[in-house]
Amino acid sequence: MERPTAVEPHPTTSDWDEFQTHLKTRVNETAWSTWIEPLEGAFNGHQLHLEAPTEFHRRWVNDRFFGSIQEVSAAVYGDDVTV
């Protein structure tokens, strides 16, 4: 299945939901609601862009959850997707 190249609000609703569902199983509820749930996702070709509300938020998520985010994005979108 070919992915569109234009930036979308979310990759597709079902893919975005699946991504969030899988990621939610890897973090506790407090971490989810505080750090992961506020992220906005956009898909551009083979890149998943996650936008955080602040630079501090972005650094915190990157330092603590990036490995899990990469693993889940590969599982949901394929190995060729970068975050």
Protein backbone atom coordinates (compact mmCIF):
# COMPACT_ATOMS: atom_id res chain seq x y z
CA MET A 1 0.00 0.00 0.00
CA GLU A 2 1.51 3.30 -1.07
CA ARG A 3 1.51 6.15 1.45
CA PRO A 4 0.60 9.70 0.38
CA THR A 5 3.45 12.20 0.28
CA ALA A 6 1.53 15.23 1.53
CA VAL A 7 1.52 15.92 5.26
CA GLU A 8 -1.69 14.67 6.81
CA PRO A 9 -3.07 15.56 10.26
CA HIS A 10 -2.56 11.89 11.15
CA PRO A 11 -1.14 9.08 9.01
CA THR A 12 -4.58 7.48 8.83
CA THR A 13 -7.07 7.28 11.63
CA SER A 14 -6.75 3.51 11.95
CA ASP A 15 -2.91 3.56 11.79
CA TRP A 16 -2.72 6.44 14.27
CA ASP A 17 -5.13 4.65 16.61
CA GLU A 18 -3.13 1.44 16.30
CA PHE A 19 0.11 3.33 16.97
CA GLN A 20 -1.36 4.93 20.09
CA THR A 21 -2.88 1.65 21.30
CA HIS A 22 0.44 -0.19 21.03
CA LEU A 23 2.43 2.65 22.57
CA LYS A 24 -0.01 2.96 25.46
CA THR A 25 0.79 -0.63 26.49
CA ARG A 26 4.46 0.34 26.93
CA VAL A 27 4.03 3.21 29.41
CA ASN A 28 2.13 3.66 32.64
CA GLU A 29 -1.10 5.68 32.69
CA THR A 30 0.49 8.78 34.25
CA ALA A 31 3.29 8.87 31.68
CA TRP A 32 0.75 8.32 28.92
CA SER A 33 -1.56 11.14 29.91
CA THR A 34 1.24 13.55 30.82
CA TRP A 35 3.80 12.97 28.07
CA ILE A 36 2.53 10.85 25.18
CA GLU A 37 -1.14 11.73 24.75
CA PRO A 38 -0.44 15.48 24.17
CA LEU A 39 1.76 14.69 21.15
CA GLU A 40 0.37 15.51 17.71
CA GLY A 41 1.28 13.16 14.88
CA ALA A 42 1.70 13.83 11.16
CA PHE A 43 2.87 11.46 8.43
CA ASN A 44 4.93 12.58 5.44
CA GLY A 45 5.95 9.81 3.08
CA HIS A 46 8.08 7.56 5.24
CA GLN A 47 8.43 9.91 8.20
CA LEU A 48 6.27 10.10 11.29
CA HIS A 49 6.52 13.56 12.82
CA LEU A 50 5.50 13.95 16.43
CA GLU A 51 5.03 17.47 17.71
CA ALA A 52 5.21 18.28 21.41
CA PRO A 53 3.57 21.30 23.05
CA THR A 54 6.93 22.68 24.32
CA GLU A 55 10.65 22.16 23.79
CA PHE A 56 10.95 20.78 27.34
CA HIS A 57 8.17 18.29 26.59
CA ARG A 58 9.90 17.24 23.36
CA ARG A 59 13.23 16.64 25.13
CA TRP A 60 11.56 14.69 27.95
CA VAL A 61 9.73 12.40 25.53
CA ASN A 62 12.83 11.98 23.36
CA ASP A 63 15.03 11.07 26.34
CA ARG A 64 12.62 8.62 27.92
CA PHE A 65 10.30 7.19 25.28
CA PHE A 66 12.01 7.49 21.90
CA GLY A 67 13.07 3.83 21.79
CA SER A 68 9.51 2.65 22.39
CA ILE A 69 8.15 5.16 19.88
CA GLN A 70 10.58 3.89 17.22
CA GLU A 71 9.73 0.24 17.90
CA VAL A 72 5.98 0.85 17.77
CA SER A 73 6.20 3.00 14.63
CA ALA A 74 8.15 0.21 12.87
CA ALA A 75 5.56 -2.34 13.97
CA VAL A 76 2.61 -0.24 12.80
CA TYR A 77 3.96 1.64 9.77
CA GLY A 78 6.85 -0.58 8.64
CA ASP A 79 10.62 -0.70 9.10
CA ASP A 80 11.23 2.03 6.52
CA VAL A 81 9.44 4.71 8.59
CA THR A 82 11.58 7.15 10.54
CA VAL A 83 10.46 9.21 13.51
